[in-house]
Amino acid sequence: MTLEIPDGVAEKLPSDEAQRRRGVLLELACGMYAARSITHAQGAELAGLGRLKFQRELGLREIPIHYTLNDWEHDLKAGLCGE
């Protein structure tokens, strides 16, 4: 998937390509998690972080953890509960 970011927004991102990519993926993962579009494990995977590090990033952004039994069952079936 390719994502186009407007120049005005791209100017606010780090100039280093790797940092820019990680930052955008982390923000996307946090936003999608906050909107309850993805599970905790999916957010961690999208951000390229372990689950505890992703949880820390959510805390830094004051995004509450919402992890239901249904989320756990989904993550278990997807093989995302190994950390």
N, C-alpha and C. Protein backbone atom coordinates (compact mmCIF):
# COMPACT_ATOMS: atom_id res chain seq x y z
N MET A 1 0.84 -1.17 0.00
CA MET A 1 0.00 0.00 0.00
C MET A 1 0.89 1.24 0.00
N THR A 2 0.51 2.21 -0.76
CA THR A 2 1.22 3.47 -0.79
C THR A 2 0.32 4.55 -0.21
N LEU A 3 0.89 5.39 0.60
CA LEU A 3 0.15 6.47 1.24
C LEU A 3 0.75 7.79 0.80
N GLU A 4 -0.07 8.68 0.27
CA GLU A 4 0.39 10.00 -0.12
C GLU A 4 0.11 10.99 0.99
N ILE A 5 1.14 11.72 1.39
CA ILE A 5 1.01 12.71 2.46
C ILE A 5 1.22 14.08 1.84
N PRO A 6 0.27 15.00 2.05
CA PRO A 6 0.43 16.34 1.49
C PRO A 6 1.73 16.99 1.95
N ASP A 7 2.31 17.81 1.07
CA ASP A 7 3.60 18.45 1.36
C ASP A 7 3.59 19.21 2.68
N GLY A 8 2.51 19.93 2.97
CA GLY A 8 2.44 20.71 4.20
C GLY A 8 2.54 19.85 5.45
N VAL A 9 2.00 18.65 5.36
CA VAL A 9 2.08 17.72 6.49
C VAL A 9 3.44 17.03 6.50
N ALA A 10 3.91 16.65 5.32
CA ALA A 10 5.20 15.96 5.22
C ALA A 10 6.34 16.81 5.77
N GLU A 11 6.22 18.13 5.67
CA GLU A 11 7.25 19.02 6.20
C GLU A 11 7.41 18.88 7.71
N LYS A 12 6.37 18.43 8.38
CA LYS A 12 6.39 18.28 9.85
C LYS A 12 7.02 16.96 10.28
N LEU A 13 7.25 16.07 9.34
CA LEU A 13 7.78 14.74 9.65
C LEU A 13 9.31 14.77 9.66
N PRO A 14 9.93 13.81 10.36
CA PRO A 14 11.40 13.74 10.36
C PRO A 14 11.93 13.59 8.93
N SER A 15 13.10 14.12 8.68
CA SER A 15 13.67 14.03 7.33
C SER A 15 14.21 12.64 7.04
N ASP A 16 14.59 11.90 8.07
CA ASP A 16 15.10 10.54 7.90
C ASP A 16 13.95 9.62 7.49
N GLU A 17 14.11 8.94 6.36
CA GLU A 17 13.05 8.09 5.80
C GLU A 17 12.58 7.01 6.78
N ALA A 18 13.50 6.34 7.43
CA ALA A 18 13.13 5.27 8.37
C ALA A 18 12.35 5.83 9.56
N GLN A 19 12.79 6.94 10.11
CA GLN A 19 12.07 7.56 11.23
C GLN A 19 10.69 8.03 10.80
N ARG A 20 10.61 8.58 9.61
CA ARG A 20 9.33 9.06 9.09
C ARG A 20 8.35 7.90 8.95
N ARG A 21 8.82 6.80 8.39
CA ARG A 21 7.96 5.63 8.19
C ARG A 21 7.47 5.09 9.54
N ARG A 22 8.40 4.92 10.49
CA ARG A 22 8.03 4.40 11.82
C ARG A 22 7.04 5.32 12.50
N GLY A 23 7.28 6.62 12.42
CA GLY A 23 6.40 7.59 13.07
C GLY A 23 4.99 7.58 12.50
N VAL A 24 4.89 7.53 11.18
CA VAL A 24 3.58 7.52 10.54
C VAL A 24 2.83 6.23 10.90
N LEU A 25 3.53 5.11 10.85
CA LEU A 25 2.87 3.85 11.20
C LEU A 25 2.43 3.82 12.66
N LEU A 26 3.25 4.37 13.55
CA LEU A 26 2.89 4.41 14.97
C LEU A 26 1.65 5.28 15.17
N GLU A 27 1.62 6.45 14.56
CA GLU A 27 0.47 7.34 14.71
C GLU A 27 -0.79 6.73 14.11
N LEU A 28 -0.64 6.05 12.98
CA LEU A 28 -1.77 5.37 12.36
C LEU A 28 -2.30 4.28 13.27
N ALA A 29 -1.38 3.50 13.82
CA ALA A 29 -1.78 2.41 14.72
C ALA A 29 -2.47 2.95 15.96
N CYS A 30 -1.94 4.00 16.56
CA CYS A 30 -2.55 4.58 17.75
C CYS A 30 -3.94 5.14 17.44
N GLY A 31 -4.05 5.83 16.32
CA GLY A 31 -5.34 6.39 15.94
C GLY A 31 -6.38 5.33 15.65
N MET A 32 -5.98 4.30 14.94
CA MET A 32 -6.92 3.22 14.63
C MET A 32 -7.32 2.46 15.89
N TYR A 33 -6.35 2.29 16.81
CA TYR A 33 -6.67 1.62 18.06
C TYR A 33 -7.64 2.47 18.88
N ALA A 34 -7.38 3.77 18.96
CA ALA A 34 -8.26 4.67 19.72
C ALA A 34 -9.68 4.67 19.15
N ALA A 35 -9.78 4.52 17.83
CA ALA A 35 -11.09 4.49 17.17
C ALA A 35 -11.74 3.11 17.24
N ARG A 36 -11.03 2.17 17.86
CA ARG A 36 -11.48 0.79 18.00
C ARG A 36 -11.65 0.07 16.65
N SER A 37 -10.81 0.47 15.70
CA SER A 37 -10.82 -0.17 14.38
C SER A 37 -9.94 -1.41 14.35
N ILE A 38 -8.94 -1.44 15.24
CA ILE A 38 -8.03 -2.59 15.31
C ILE A 38 -7.81 -2.96 16.78
N THR A 39 -7.35 -4.17 16.99
CA THR A 39 -7.07 -4.64 18.35
C THR A 39 -5.69 -4.15 18.80
N HIS A 40 -5.43 -4.37 20.06
CA HIS A 40 -4.14 -4.01 20.64
C HIS A 40 -3.01 -4.72 19.90
N ALA A 41 -3.16 -6.01 19.67
CA ALA A 41 -2.12 -6.77 18.98
C ALA A 41 -1.94 -6.30 17.54
N GLN A 42 -3.03 -5.98 16.86
CA GLN A 42 -2.93 -5.47 15.50
C GLN A 42 -2.24 -4.11 15.48
N GLY A 43 -2.54 -3.28 16.46
CA GLY A 43 -1.88 -1.98 16.56
C GLY A 43 -0.39 -2.13 16.77
N ALA A 44 -0.01 -3.02 17.65
CA ALA A 44 1.42 -3.27 17.90
C ALA A 44 2.10 -3.77 16.64
N GLU A 45 1.44 -4.66 15.93
CA GLU A 45 2.01 -5.21 14.69
C GLU A 45 2.16 -4.10 13.65
N LEU A 46 1.13 -3.29 13.47
CA LEU A 46 1.18 -2.20 12.50
C LEU A 46 2.29 -1.21 12.84
N ALA A 47 2.45 -0.92 14.12
CA ALA A 47 3.47 0.03 14.57
C ALA A 47 4.88 -0.58 14.54
N GLY A 48 4.95 -1.90 14.41
CA GLY A 48 6.26 -2.56 14.42
C GLY A 48 6.87 -2.62 15.81
N LEU A 49 6.01 -2.67 16.83
CA LEU A 49 6.46 -2.69 18.22
C LEU A 49 5.96 -3.95 18.92
N GLY A 50 6.61 -4.30 20.01
CA GLY A 50 6.08 -5.33 20.88
C GLY A 50 4.84 -4.77 21.57
N ARG A 51 4.03 -5.64 22.12
CA ARG A 51 2.76 -5.19 22.71
C ARG A 51 2.96 -4.27 23.91
N LEU A 52 3.97 -4.54 24.72
CA LEU A 52 4.21 -3.67 25.87
C LEU A 52 4.68 -2.28 25.44
N LYS A 53 5.53 -2.22 24.42
CA LYS A 53 5.99 -0.91 23.93
C LYS A 53 4.85 -0.15 23.28
N PHE A 54 3.98 -0.86 22.58
CA PHE A 54 2.82 -0.20 21.99
C PHE A 54 1.90 0.33 23.09
N GLN A 55 1.71 -0.45 24.12
CA GLN A 55 0.88 -0.01 25.24
C GLN A 55 1.48 1.24 25.89
N ARG A 56 2.78 1.30 25.98
CA ARG A 56 3.44 2.49 26.53
C ARG A 56 3.18 3.70 25.64
N GLU A 57 3.26 3.51 24.34
CA GLU A 57 2.99 4.61 23.41
C GLU A 57 1.53 5.09 23.54
N LEU A 58 0.61 4.16 23.73
CA LEU A 58 -0.77 4.55 23.95
C LEU A 58 -0.90 5.38 25.22
N GLY A 59 -0.21 4.96 26.26
CA GLY A 59 -0.23 5.69 27.52
C GLY A 59 0.32 7.10 27.38
N LEU A 60 1.40 7.24 26.62
CA LEU A 60 1.99 8.57 26.41
C LEU A 60 1.00 9.50 25.70
N ARG A 61 0.12 8.91 24.90
CA ARG A 61 -0.89 9.69 24.17
C ARG A 61 -2.22 9.76 24.92
N GLU A 62 -2.23 9.19 26.13
CA GLU A 62 -3.42 9.15 26.98
C GLU A 62 -4.60 8.47 26.29
N ILE A 63 -4.29 7.39 25.55
CA ILE A 63 -5.31 6.58 24.90
C ILE A 63 -5.57 5.39 25.81
N PRO A 64 -6.79 5.25 26.32
CA PRO A 64 -7.09 4.17 27.25
C PRO A 64 -7.04 2.80 26.56
N ILE A 65 -6.66 1.81 27.34
CA ILE A 65 -6.63 0.44 26.85
C ILE A 65 -8.05 -0.11 26.88
N HIS A 66 -8.49 -0.64 25.76
CA HIS A 66 -9.80 -1.28 25.69
C HIS A 66 -9.58 -2.64 25.04
N TYR A 67 -9.44 -3.61 25.87
CA TYR A 67 -9.13 -4.95 25.40
C TYR A 67 -10.19 -5.89 25.94
N THR A 68 -11.02 -6.38 25.05
CA THR A 68 -12.15 -7.22 25.45
C THR A 68 -11.82 -8.70 25.25
N LEU A 69 -12.70 -9.52 25.77
CA LEU A 69 -12.55 -10.97 25.56
C LEU A 69 -12.60 -11.27 24.07
N ASN A 70 -13.45 -10.58 23.34
CA ASN A 70 -13.54 -10.77 21.90
C ASN A 70 -12.23 -10.41 21.21
N ASP A 71 -11.58 -9.32 21.66
CA ASP A 71 -10.27 -8.94 21.11
C ASP A 71 -9.25 -10.05 21.36
N TRP A 72 -9.25 -10.56 22.58
CA TRP A 72 -8.30 -11.62 22.93
C TRP A 72 -8.53 -12.86 22.07
N GLU A 73 -9.80 -13.24 21.90
CA GLU A 73 -10.11 -14.42 21.08
C GLU A 73 -9.65 -14.21 19.64
N HIS A 74 -9.87 -13.00 19.12
CA HIS A 74 -9.42 -12.68 17.75
C HIS A 74 -7.91 -12.78 17.66
N ASP A 75 -7.21 -12.20 18.63
CA ASP A 75 -5.75 -12.22 18.63
C ASP A 75 -5.22 -13.64 18.79
N LEU A 76 -5.87 -14.43 19.62
CA LEU A 76 -5.46 -15.81 19.83
C LEU A 76 -5.58 -16.60 18.53
N LYS A 77 -6.71 -16.46 17.84
CA LYS A 77 -6.92 -17.16 16.57
C LYS A 77 -5.92 -16.72 15.50
N ALA A 78 -5.56 -15.45 15.54
CA ALA A 78 -4.61 -14.91 14.56
C ALA A 78 -3.16 -15.18 14.94
N GLY A 79 -2.94 -15.82 16.09
CA GLY A 79 -1.58 -16.12 16.53
C GLY A 79 -0.83 -14.91 17.02
N LEU A 80 -1.55 -13.91 17.55
CA LEU A 80 -0.92 -12.66 17.98
C LEU A 80 -0.74 -12.57 19.49
N CYS A 81 -0.91 -13.68 20.19
CA CYS A 81 -0.84 -13.64 21.66
C CYS A 81 0.41 -14.33 22.19
N GLY A 82 1.53 -14.14 21.54
CA GLY A 82 2.73 -14.85 21.97
C GLY A 82 3.72 -14.05 22.77
N GLU A 83 3.47 -12.76 23.01
CA GLU A 83 4.51 -11.96 23.65
C GLU A 83 4.39 -11.95 25.14
